[in-house]
């Protein structure tokens, strides 16, 4: 989540934040994908923390653990009769 500060002169109700009242100079978290919608209003909102870079939705593939090297015990010498 990104963070923005409300710099307007009086409290506002923000429907996108669940109808919550935001006071002047209050910092709120906003969805990353909506960050630009706030900071494009520089008379009302100031960027505090930008969104994290969007990463691929694909999870990295897990590599199998390497099997430990199999140790062969030396064969016991055979007795010749």
Protein backbone atom coordinates (compact mmCIF):
# COMPACT_ATOMS: atom_id res chain seq x y z
CA UNK A 1 0.00 0.00 0.00
CA UNK A 2 1.13 3.52 -0.79
CA UNK A 3 0.82 6.43 1.64
CA UNK A 4 -0.36 9.98 1.04
CA UNK A 5 -0.91 13.03 3.25
CA UNK A 6 -4.11 15.05 3.02
CA UNK A 7 -3.12 18.74 2.83
CA UNK A 8 -6.57 20.23 2.28
CA UNK A 9 -7.92 22.94 4.62
CA UNK A 10 -10.66 20.87 6.32
CA UNK A 11 -11.63 17.24 6.91
CA UNK A 12 -13.06 15.29 3.98
CA UNK A 13 -14.89 12.00 3.66
CA UNK A 14 -13.16 9.65 1.23
CA UNK A 15 -15.58 7.02 -0.17
CA UNK A 16 -12.73 4.98 -1.62
CA UNK A 17 -11.37 4.50 1.91
CA UNK A 18 -14.64 3.08 3.18
CA UNK A 19 -16.29 6.46 3.75
CA UNK A 20 -13.69 7.39 6.30
CA UNK A 21 -13.10 11.01 7.36
CA UNK A 22 -9.57 12.23 6.71
CA UNK A 23 -8.29 15.23 8.68
CA UNK A 24 -5.85 17.88 7.40
CA UNK A 25 -2.22 16.75 7.67
CA UNK A 26 -3.30 13.12 8.19
CA UNK A 27 -1.36 10.36 6.44
CA UNK A 28 -3.42 7.49 5.04
CA UNK A 29 -2.67 4.28 3.18
CA UNK A 30 -4.18 3.95 -0.29
CA UNK A 31 -4.14 1.02 -2.73
CA UNK A 32 -1.04 1.05 -4.93
CA UNK A 33 -3.12 1.06 -8.10
CA UNK A 34 -4.97 4.23 -6.94
CA UNK A 35 -1.90 6.22 -5.82
CA UNK A 36 -1.82 8.34 -8.99
CA UNK A 37 -5.46 9.29 -8.46
CA UNK A 38 -4.49 11.02 -5.24
CA UNK A 39 -1.18 12.66 -6.13
CA UNK A 40 -2.60 14.09 -9.35
CA UNK A 41 -4.48 16.47 -7.01
CA UNK A 42 -1.47 18.36 -5.58
CA UNK A 43 -3.64 20.96 -3.86
CA UNK A 44 -5.17 18.17 -1.71
CA UNK A 45 -2.74 15.27 -1.48
CA UNK A 46 1.02 14.90 -1.05
CA UNK A 47 2.96 11.70 -1.77
CA UNK A 48 4.58 10.20 1.32
CA UNK A 49 5.43 6.65 0.24
CA UNK A 50 5.14 5.57 -3.36
CA UNK A 51 3.73 2.18 -4.34
CA UNK A 52 6.00 -0.81 -4.42
CA UNK A 53 7.01 -1.87 -7.87
CA UNK A 54 4.51 -4.22 -9.38
CA UNK A 55 5.97 -7.68 -9.70
CA UNK A 56 4.93 -10.51 -11.92
CA UNK A 57 2.00 -12.46 -10.59
CA UNK A 58 3.94 -15.63 -11.25
CA UNK A 59 5.61 -17.01 -8.17
CA UNK A 60 9.22 -17.97 -8.61
CA UNK A 61 9.64 -21.63 -9.32
CA UNK A 62 11.00 -23.61 -6.46
CA UNK A 63 14.14 -25.46 -7.37
CA UNK A 64 14.48 -28.95 -5.94
CA UNK A 65 17.08 -29.34 -3.25
CA UNK A 66 20.18 -31.08 -4.43
CA UNK A 67 20.39 -34.62 -3.09
CA UNK A 68 23.38 -35.12 -0.86
CA UNK A 69 26.21 -36.97 -2.52
CA UNK A 70 25.89 -40.66 -1.83
CA UNK A 71 28.91 -41.94 0.00
CA UNK A 72 29.96 -45.46 -0.79
CA UNK A 73 31.69 -47.17 2.07
CA UNK A 74 34.80 -49.00 1.14
CA UNK A 75 34.11 -52.70 0.72
CA UNK A 76 35.59 -54.89 3.39
CA UNK A 77 38.50 -56.88 2.09
CA UNK A 78 37.54 -60.43 1.24
CA UNK A 79 39.50 -63.24 2.79
CA UNK A 80 40.91 -65.80 0.46
CA UNK A 81 40.86 -69.37 1.75
